[in-house]
Amino acid sequence: DKVKFIIMRSSNLATLQLSVKQEMWATSRSTTELLDSYFKSFEHVVLLFSANQTGHFQGYARMMSAPDYKLRALQWGRSAGELGDNFKV
């Protein structure tokens, strides 16, 4: 297989807007591990984004890097301590 599509939920729209601006994303540690394995196994990993309680999708992004602890941490807010490593989108 060449492409893997994943639906991602964000707790709010502001987080998605920050991701677009910074060209980075982070998610729970368990989902980060899963995405890392997909990134290694597929040529392309496409993330489809939806913010909670919006009732529709806000957009999509392609994973451009594997999760990496060296990537600069973003201002993810209160949930930052629960997230895995950032990755480029």
PDB file of N, CA and C in Angstrom:
ATOM      1  N   ASP A   1       0.827  -1.194   0.000  1.00  0.00           N
ATOM      2  CA  ASP A   1       0.000   0.000   0.000  1.00  0.00           C
ATOM      3  C   ASP A   1       0.871   1.257   0.000  1.00  0.00           C
ATOM      4  N   LYS A   2       0.360   2.272  -0.669  1.00  0.00           N
ATOM      5  CA  LYS A   2       1.144   3.493  -0.793  1.00  0.00           C
ATOM      6  C   LYS A   2       0.635   4.634   0.077  1.00  0.00           C
ATOM      7  N   VAL A   3      -0.694   4.675   0.331  1.00  0.00           N
ATOM      8  CA  VAL A   3      -1.266   5.805   1.059  1.00  0.00           C
ATOM      9  C   VAL A   3      -2.114   5.294   2.215  1.00  0.00           C
ATOM     10  N   LYS A   4      -1.968   5.936   3.365  1.00  0.00           N
ATOM     11  CA  LYS A   4      -2.792   5.640   4.537  1.00  0.00           C
ATOM     12  C   LYS A   4      -3.512   6.923   4.929  1.00  0.00           C
ATOM     13  N   PHE A   5      -4.833   6.856   5.038  1.00  0.00           N
ATOM     14  CA  PHE A   5      -5.647   7.998   5.465  1.00  0.00           C
ATOM     15  C   PHE A   5      -6.068   7.784   6.911  1.00  0.00           C
ATOM     16  N   ILE A   6      -5.922   8.834   7.716  1.00  0.00           N
ATOM     17  CA  ILE A   6      -6.268   8.765   9.133  1.00  0.00           C
ATOM     18  C   ILE A   6      -7.138   9.971   9.487  1.00  0.00           C
ATOM     19  N   ILE A   7      -8.221   9.729  10.203  1.00  0.00           N
ATOM     20  CA  ILE A   7      -9.061  10.827  10.695  1.00  0.00           C
ATOM     21  C   ILE A   7      -8.539  11.256  12.054  1.00  0.00           C
ATOM     22  N   MET A   8      -8.251  12.554  12.179  1.00  0.00           N
ATOM     23  CA  MET A   8      -7.732  13.118  13.419  1.00  0.00           C
ATOM     24  C   MET A   8      -8.758  14.095  13.985  1.00  0.00           C
ATOM     25  N   ARG A   9      -8.977  14.023  15.290  1.00  0.00           N
ATOM     26  CA  ARG A   9      -9.877  14.967  15.959  1.00  0.00           C
ATOM     27  C   ARG A   9      -9.053  15.911  16.821  1.00  0.00           C
ATOM     28  N   SER A  10      -9.387  17.161  16.728  1.00  0.00           N
ATOM     29  CA  SER A  10      -8.747  18.174  17.560  1.00  0.00           C
ATOM     30  C   SER A  10      -9.761  18.642  18.592  1.00  0.00           C
ATOM     31  N   SER A  11      -9.266  18.988  19.770  1.00  0.00           N
ATOM     32  CA  SER A  11     -10.182  19.456  20.809  1.00  0.00           C
ATOM     33  C   SER A  11     -10.804  20.801  20.468  1.00  0.00           C
ATOM     34  N   ASN A  12     -10.128  21.574  19.621  1.00  0.00           N
ATOM     35  CA  ASN A  12     -10.677  22.882  19.246  1.00  0.00           C
ATOM     36  C   ASN A  12     -10.088  23.374  17.931  1.00  0.00           C
ATOM     37  N   LEU A  13     -10.731  24.346  17.358  1.00  0.00           N
ATOM     38  CA  LEU A  13     -10.318  24.911  16.078  1.00  0.00           C
ATOM     39  C   LEU A  13      -9.001  25.688  16.184  1.00  0.00           C
ATOM     40  N   ALA A  14      -8.754  26.319  17.326  1.00  0.00           N
ATOM     41  CA  ALA A  14      -7.526  27.099  17.509  1.00  0.00           C
ATOM     42  C   ALA A  14      -6.287  26.220  17.385  1.00  0.00           C
ATOM     43  N   THR A  15      -6.364  24.993  17.855  1.00  0.00           N
ATOM     44  CA  THR A  15      -5.234  24.065  17.747  1.00  0.00           C
ATOM     45  C   THR A  15      -4.935  23.754  16.290  1.00  0.00           C
ATOM     46  N   LEU A  16      -5.982  23.566  15.495  1.00  0.00           N
ATOM     47  CA  LEU A  16      -5.773  23.323  14.063  1.00  0.00           C
ATOM     48  C   LEU A  16      -5.152  24.535  13.384  1.00  0.00           C
ATOM     49  N   GLN A  17      -5.598  25.716  13.744  1.00  0.00           N
ATOM     50  CA  GLN A  17      -5.050  26.934  13.158  1.00  0.00           C
ATOM     51  C   GLN A  17      -3.572  27.093  13.514  1.00  0.00           C
ATOM     52  N   LEU A  18      -3.215  26.750  14.751  1.00  0.00           N
ATOM     53  CA  LEU A  18      -1.811  26.807  15.173  1.00  0.00           C
ATOM     54  C   LEU A  18      -0.980  25.801  14.380  1.00  0.00           C
ATOM     55  N   SER A  19      -1.531  24.634  14.161  1.00  0.00           N
ATOM     56  CA  SER A  19      -0.833  23.603  13.391  1.00  0.00           C
ATOM     57  C   SER A  19      -0.546  24.074  11.970  1.00  0.00           C
ATOM     58  N   VAL A  20      -1.514  24.699  11.345  1.00  0.00           N
ATOM     59  CA  VAL A  20      -1.327  25.216   9.980  1.00  0.00           C
ATOM     60  C   VAL A  20      -0.221  26.269   9.971  1.00  0.00           C
ATOM     61  N   LYS A  21      -0.258  27.160  10.931  1.00  0.00           N
ATOM     62  CA  LYS A  21       0.728  28.239  11.004  1.00  0.00           C
ATOM     63  C   LYS A  21       2.143  27.705  11.232  1.00  0.00           C
ATOM     64  N   GLN A  22       2.275  26.725  12.127  1.00  0.00           N
ATOM     65  CA  GLN A  22       3.588  26.199  12.489  1.00  0.00           C
ATOM     66  C   GLN A  22       4.038  24.997  11.642  1.00  0.00           C
ATOM     67  N   GLU A  23       3.108  24.467  10.817  1.00  0.00           N
ATOM     68  CA  GLU A  23       3.380  23.303   9.975  1.00  0.00           C
ATOM     69  C   GLU A  23       3.837  22.103  10.803  1.00  0.00           C
ATOM     70  N   MET A  24       3.188  21.911  11.970  1.00  0.00           N
ATOM     71  CA  MET A  24       3.502  20.826  12.869  1.00  0.00           C
ATOM     72  C   MET A  24       2.239  20.326  13.542  1.00  0.00           C
ATOM     73  N   TRP A  25       2.294  19.098  14.016  1.00  0.00           N
ATOM     74  CA  TRP A  25       1.157  18.524  14.727  1.00  0.00           C
ATOM     75  C   TRP A  25       1.681  17.602  15.814  1.00  0.00           C
ATOM     76  N   ALA A  26       0.886  17.394  16.841  1.00  0.00           N
ATOM     77  CA  ALA A  26       1.164  16.423  17.891  1.00  0.00           C
ATOM     78  C   ALA A  26      -0.170  15.831  18.319  1.00  0.00           C
ATOM     79  N   THR A  27      -0.124  14.605  18.806  1.00  0.00           N
ATOM     80  CA  THR A  27      -1.329  13.926  19.250  1.00  0.00           C
ATOM     81  C   THR A  27      -0.973  13.068  20.462  1.00  0.00           C
ATOM     82  N   SER A  28      -1.900  12.280  20.944  1.00  0.00           N
ATOM     83  CA  SER A  28      -1.624  11.451  22.119  1.00  0.00           C
ATOM     84  C   SER A  28      -0.420  10.547  21.873  1.00  0.00           C
ATOM     85  N   ARG A  29       0.211  10.119  22.937  1.00  0.00           N
ATOM     86  CA  ARG A  29       1.398   9.268  22.785  1.00  0.00           C
ATOM     87  C   ARG A  29       1.072   7.971  22.050  1.00  0.00           C
ATOM     88  N   SER A  30      -0.071   7.361  22.359  1.00  0.00           N
ATOM     89  CA  SER A  30      -0.415   6.096  21.701  1.00  0.00           C
ATOM     90  C   SER A  30      -0.689   6.298  20.212  1.00  0.00           C
ATOM     91  N   THR A  31      -1.362   7.389  19.853  1.00  0.00           N
ATOM     92  CA  THR A  31      -1.615   7.677  18.441  1.00  0.00           C
ATOM     93  C   THR A  31      -0.321   8.057  17.740  1.00  0.00           C
ATOM     94  N   THR A  32       0.584   8.747  18.436  1.00  0.00           N
ATOM     95  CA  THR A  32       1.882   9.099  17.863  1.00  0.00           C
ATOM     96  C   THR A  32       2.659   7.844  17.492  1.00  0.00           C
ATOM     97  N   GLU A  33       2.632   6.834  18.347  1.00  0.00           N
ATOM     98  CA  GLU A  33       3.316   5.571  18.050  1.00  0.00           C
ATOM     99  C   GLU A  33       2.723   4.918  16.804  1.00  0.00           C
ATOM    100  N   LEU A  34       1.408   4.938  16.701  1.00  0.00           N
ATOM    101  CA  LEU A  34       0.729   4.365  15.542  1.00  0.00           C
ATOM    102  C   LEU A  34       1.106   5.126  14.262  1.00  0.00           C
ATOM    103  N   LEU A  35       1.071   6.458  14.327  1.00  0.00           N
ATOM    104  CA  LEU A  35       1.426   7.279  13.164  1.00  0.00           C
ATOM    105  C   LEU A  35       2.883   7.062  12.757  1.00  0.00           C
ATOM    106  N   ASP A  36       3.755   6.886  13.731  1.00  0.00           N
ATOM    107  CA  ASP A  36       5.154   6.627  13.436  1.00  0.00           C
ATOM    108  C   ASP A  36       5.296   5.329  12.647  1.00  0.00           C
ATOM    109  N   SER A  37       4.564   4.294  13.034  1.00  0.00           N
ATOM    110  CA  SER A  37       4.641   3.032  12.297  1.00  0.00           C
ATOM    111  C   SER A  37       4.054   3.175  10.896  1.00  0.00           C
ATOM    112  N   TYR A  38       2.981   3.956  10.748  1.00  0.00           N
ATOM    113  CA  TYR A  38       2.414   4.211   9.419  1.00  0.00           C
ATOM    114  C   TYR A  38       3.402   4.977   8.546  1.00  0.00           C
ATOM    115  N   PHE A  39       4.064   5.971   9.137  1.00  0.00           N
ATOM    116  CA  PHE A  39       5.020   6.779   8.378  1.00  0.00           C
ATOM    117  C   PHE A  39       6.147   5.905   7.819  1.00  0.00           C
ATOM    118  N   LYS A  40       6.544   4.884   8.570  1.00  0.00           N
ATOM    119  CA  LYS A  40       7.610   3.984   8.139  1.00  0.00           C
ATOM    120  C   LYS A  40       7.121   2.947   7.125  1.00  0.00           C
ATOM    121  N   SER A  41       5.807   2.671   7.123  1.00  0.00           N
ATOM    122  CA  SER A  41       5.258   1.586   6.300  1.00  0.00           C
ATOM    123  C   SER A  41       4.623   2.036   4.991  1.00  0.00           C
ATOM    124  N   PHE A  42       4.207   3.295   4.909  1.00  0.00           N
ATOM    125  CA  PHE A  42       3.496   3.799   3.735  1.00  0.00           C
ATOM    126  C   PHE A  42       4.281   4.937   3.097  1.00  0.00           C
ATOM    127  N   GLU A  43       4.090   5.103   1.794  1.00  0.00           N
ATOM    128  CA  GLU A  43       4.756   6.214   1.108  1.00  0.00           C
ATOM    129  C   GLU A  43       4.189   7.564   1.538  1.00  0.00           C
ATOM    130  N   HIS A  44       2.881   7.602   1.805  1.00  0.00           N
ATOM    131  CA  HIS A  44       2.209   8.838   2.211  1.00  0.00           C
ATOM    132  C   HIS A  44       1.232   8.530   3.339  1.00  0.00           C
ATOM    133  N   VAL A  45       1.218   9.394   4.347  1.00  0.00           N
ATOM    134  CA  VAL A  45       0.222   9.322   5.417  1.00  0.00           C
ATOM    135  C   VAL A  45      -0.522  10.649   5.388  1.00  0.00           C
ATOM    136  N   VAL A  46      -1.826  10.581   5.109  1.00  0.00           N
ATOM    137  CA  VAL A  46      -2.658  11.784   4.997  1.00  0.00           C
ATOM    138  C   VAL A  46      -3.580  11.842   6.202  1.00  0.00           C
ATOM    139  N   LEU A  47      -3.559  12.981   6.890  1.00  0.00           N
ATOM    140  CA  LEU A  47      -4.380  13.199   8.072  1.00  0.00           C
ATOM    141  C   LEU A  47      -5.570  14.076   7.701  1.00  0.00           C
ATOM    142  N   LEU A  48      -6.765  13.620   8.014  1.00  0.00           N
ATOM    143  CA  LEU A  48      -7.996  14.387   7.786  1.00  0.00           C
ATOM    144  C   LEU A  48      -8.423  14.958   9.125  1.00  0.00           C
ATOM    145  N   PHE A  49      -8.542  16.279   9.219  1.00  0.00           N
ATOM    146  CA  PHE A  49      -8.763  16.943  10.497  1.00  0.00           C
ATOM    147  C   PHE A  49     -10.194  17.415  10.701  1.00  0.00           C
ATOM    148  N   SER A  50     -10.668  17.197  11.925  1.00  0.00           N
ATOM    149  CA  SER A  50     -11.956  17.720  12.360  1.00  0.00           C
ATOM    150  C   SER A  50     -11.791  18.240  13.782  1.00  0.00           C
ATOM    151  N   ALA A  51     -12.403  19.372  14.077  1.00  0.00           N
ATOM    152  CA  ALA A  51     -12.412  19.907  15.439  1.00  0.00           C
ATOM    153  C   ALA A  51     -13.698  19.455  16.114  1.00  0.00           C
ATOM    154  N   ASN A  52     -13.596  19.094  17.381  1.00  0.00           N
ATOM    155  CA  ASN A  52     -14.768  18.653  18.140  1.00  0.00           C
ATOM    156  C   ASN A  52     -15.917  19.644  18.034  1.00  0.00           C
ATOM    157  N   GLN A  53     -17.102  19.101  17.926  1.00  0.00           N
ATOM    158  CA  GLN A  53     -18.368  19.843  17.932  1.00  0.00           C
ATOM    159  C   GLN A  53     -18.554  20.773  16.733  1.00  0.00           C
ATOM    160  N   THR A  54     -17.791  20.556  15.654  1.00  0.00           N
ATOM    161  CA  THR A  54     -18.007  21.387  14.466  1.00  0.00           C
ATOM    162  C   THR A  54     -18.913  20.688  13.465  1.00  0.00           C
ATOM    163  N   GLY A  55     -18.943  19.360  13.509  1.00  0.00           N
ATOM    164  CA  GLY A  55     -19.804  18.620  12.600  1.00  0.00           C
ATOM    165  C   GLY A  55     -19.274  18.467  11.189  1.00  0.00           C
ATOM    166  N   HIS A  56     -18.041  18.901  10.941  1.00  0.00           N
ATOM    167  CA  HIS A  56     -17.467  18.722   9.606  1.00  0.00           C
ATOM    168  C   HIS A  56     -15.937  18.721   9.676  1.00  0.00           C
ATOM    169  N   PHE A  57     -15.327  18.416   8.533  1.00  0.00           N
ATOM    170  CA  PHE A  57     -13.870  18.398   8.456  1.00  0.00           C
ATOM    171  C   PHE A  57     -13.345  19.790   8.161  1.00  0.00           C
ATOM    172  N   GLN A  58     -12.199  20.115   8.751  1.00  0.00           N
ATOM    173  CA  GLN A  58     -11.583  21.427   8.537  1.00  0.00           C
ATOM    174  C   GLN A  58     -10.491  21.380   7.480  1.00  0.00           C
ATOM    175  N   GLY A  59      -9.952  20.196   7.194  1.00  0.00           N
ATOM    176  CA  GLY A  59      -8.900  20.126   6.191  1.00  0.00           C
ATOM    177  C   GLY A  59      -8.092  18.858   6.300  1.00  0.00           C
ATOM    178  N   TYR A  60      -6.979  18.839   5.608  1.00  0.00           N
ATOM    179  CA  TYR A  60      -6.115  17.660   5.610  1.00  0.00           C
ATOM    180  C   TYR A  60      -4.663  18.109   5.532  1.00  0.00           C
ATOM    181  N   ALA A  61      -3.779  17.196   5.885  1.00  0.00           N
ATOM    182  CA  ALA A  61      -2.335  17.451   5.791  1.00  0.00           C
ATOM    183  C   ALA A  61      -1.631  16.130   5.567  1.00  0.00           C
ATOM    184  N   ARG A  62      -0.481  16.197   4.975  1.00  0.00           N
ATOM    185  CA  ARG A  62       0.349  15.007   4.780  1.00  0.00           C
ATOM    186  C   ARG A  62       1.469  15.035   5.799  1.00  0.00           C
ATOM    187  N   MET A  63       1.736  13.907   6.425  1.00  0.00           N
ATOM    188  CA  MET A  63       2.876  13.817   7.346  1.00  0.00           C
ATOM    189  C   MET A  63       4.151  14.003   6.533  1.00  0.00           C
ATOM    190  N   MET A  64       4.967  14.949   6.936  1.00  0.00           N
ATOM    191  CA  MET A  64       6.202  15.230   6.220  1.00  0.00           C
ATOM    192  C   MET A  64       7.429  14.718   6.972  1.00  0.00           C
ATOM    193  N   SER A  65       7.241  14.307   8.227  1.00  0.00           N
ATOM    194  CA  SER A  65       8.346  13.747   9.000  1.00  0.00           C
ATOM    195  C   SER A  65       7.777  12.773  10.016  1.00  0.00           C
ATOM    196  N   ALA A  66       8.657  11.926  10.490  1.00  0.00           N
ATOM    197  CA  ALA A  66       8.284  11.048  11.601  1.00  0.00           C
ATOM    198  C   ALA A  66       8.245  11.892  12.876  1.00  0.00           C
ATOM    199  N   PRO A  67       7.521  11.453  13.902  1.00  0.00           N
ATOM    200  CA  PRO A  67       7.563  12.168  15.185  1.00  0.00           C
ATOM    201  C   PRO A  67       9.007  12.246  15.679  1.00  0.00           C
ATOM    202  N   ASP A  68       9.365  13.405  16.211  1.00  0.00           N
ATOM    203  CA  ASP A  68      10.758  13.643  16.592  1.00  0.00           C
ATOM    204  C   ASP A  68      10.810  14.521  17.835  1.00  0.00           C
ATOM    205  N   TYR A  69      11.417  14.009  18.901  1.00  0.00           N
ATOM    206  CA  TYR A  69      11.499  14.776  20.152  1.00  0.00           C
ATOM    207  C   TYR A  69      12.330  16.039  19.999  1.00  0.00           C
ATOM    208  N   LYS A  70      13.146  16.130  18.949  1.00  0.00           N
ATOM    209  CA  LYS A  70      13.988  17.301  18.734  1.00  0.00           C
ATOM    210  C   LYS A  70      13.225  18.477  18.119  1.00  0.00           C
ATOM    211  N   LEU A  71      12.047  18.200  17.561  1.00  0.00           N
ATOM    212  CA  LEU A  71      11.275  19.298  16.974  1.00  0.00           C
ATOM    213  C   LEU A  71      10.773  20.216  18.083  1.00  0.00           C
ATOM    214  N   ARG A  72      10.847  21.481  17.818  1.00  0.00           N
ATOM    215  CA  ARG A  72      10.454  22.500  18.794  1.00  0.00           C
ATOM    216  C   ARG A  72       9.013  22.292  19.244  1.00  0.00           C
ATOM    217  N   ALA A  73       8.814  22.275  20.529  1.00  0.00           N
ATOM    218  CA  ALA A  73       7.469  22.101  21.081  1.00  0.00           C
ATOM    219  C   ALA A  73       6.618  23.333  20.804  1.00  0.00           C
ATOM    220  N   LEU A  74       5.378  23.102  20.472  1.00  0.00           N
ATOM    221  CA  LEU A  74       4.434  24.191  20.215  1.00  0.00           C
ATOM    222  C   LEU A  74       3.607  24.478  21.453  1.00  0.00           C
ATOM    223  N   GLN A  75       2.865  25.525  21.404  1.00  0.00           N
ATOM    224  CA  GLN A  75       1.989  25.925  22.504  1.00  0.00           C
ATOM    225  C   GLN A  75       0.672  25.166  22.410  1.00  0.00           C
ATOM    226  N   TRP A  76       0.675  23.896  22.785  1.00  0.00           N
ATOM    227  CA  TRP A  76      -0.527  23.082  22.654  1.00  0.00           C
ATOM    228  C   TRP A  76      -1.487  23.281  23.822  1.00  0.00           C
ATOM    229  N   GLY A  77      -1.128  24.084  24.788  1.00  0.00           N
ATOM    230  CA  GLY A  77      -2.047  24.370  25.891  1.00  0.00           C
ATOM    231  C   GLY A  77      -1.980  23.328  26.988  1.00  0.00           C
ATOM    232  N   ARG A  78      -3.095  23.164  27.679  1.00  0.00           N
ATOM    233  CA  ARG A  78      -3.137  22.302  28.860  1.00  0.00           C
ATOM    234  C   ARG A  78      -2.802  20.852  28.565  1.00  0.00           C
ATOM    235  N   SER A  79      -3.064  20.389  27.366  1.00  0.00           N
ATOM    236  CA  SER A  79      -2.848  18.981  27.046  1.00  0.00           C
ATOM    237  C   SER A  79      -1.415  18.663  26.617  1.00  0.00           C
ATOM    238  N   ALA A  80      -0.524  19.648  26.577  1.00  0.00           N
ATOM    239  CA  ALA A  80       0.838  19.451  26.057  1.00  0.00           C
ATOM    240  C   ALA A  80       1.572  18.316  26.747  1.00  0.00           C
ATOM    241  N   GLY A  81       1.394  18.144  28.039  1.00  0.00           N
ATOM    242  CA  GLY A  81       2.095  17.102  28.783  1.00  0.00           C
ATOM    243  C   GLY A  81       1.639  15.695  28.429  1.00  0.00           C
ATOM    244  N   GLU A  82       0.501  15.565  27.784  1.00  0.00           N
ATOM    245  CA  GLU A  82      -0.047  14.262  27.439  1.00  0.00           C
ATOM    246  C   GLU A  82       0.252  13.865  25.993  1.00  0.00           C
ATOM    247  N   LEU A  83       0.916  14.735  25.268  1.00  0.00           N
ATOM    248  CA  LEU A  83       1.138  14.508  23.841  1.00  0.00           C
ATOM    249  C   LEU A  83       2.455  13.812  23.565  1.00  0.00           C
ATOM    250  N   GLY A  84       2.482  13.117  22.421  1.00  0.00           N
ATOM    251  CA  GLY A  84       3.722  12.530  21.939  1.00  0.00           C
ATOM    252  C   GLY A  84       4.556  13.596  21.246  1.00  0.00           C
ATOM    253  N   ASP A  85       5.608  13.175  20.576  1.00  0.00           N
ATOM    254  CA  ASP A  85       6.499  14.101  19.895  1.00  0.00           C
ATOM    255  C   ASP A  85       5.812  14.781  18.706  1.00  0.00           C
ATOM    256  N   ASN A  86       6.228  16.011  18.433  1.00  0.00           N
ATOM    257  CA  ASN A  86       5.731  16.748  17.273  1.00  0.00           C
ATOM    258  C   ASN A  86       6.242  16.129  15.986  1.00  0.00           C
ATOM    259  N   PHE A  87       5.518  16.351  14.903  1.00  0.00           N
ATOM    260  CA  PHE A  87       5.973  15.959  13.577  1.00  0.00           C
ATOM    261  C   PHE A  87       5.520  16.995  12.577  1.00  0.00           C
ATOM    262  N   LYS A  88       6.238  17.107  11.467  1.00  0.00           N
ATOM    263  CA  LYS A  88       5.943  18.103  10.452  1.00  0.00           C
ATOM    264  C   LYS A  88       4.793  17.635   9.567  1.00  0.00           C
ATOM    265  N   VAL A  89       3.939  18.593   9.217  1.00  0.00           N
ATOM    266  CA  VAL A  89       2.834  18.337   8.279  1.00  0.00           C
ATOM    267  C   VAL A  89       2.870  19.378   7.186  1.00  0.00           C
TER     268      VAL A  89
END
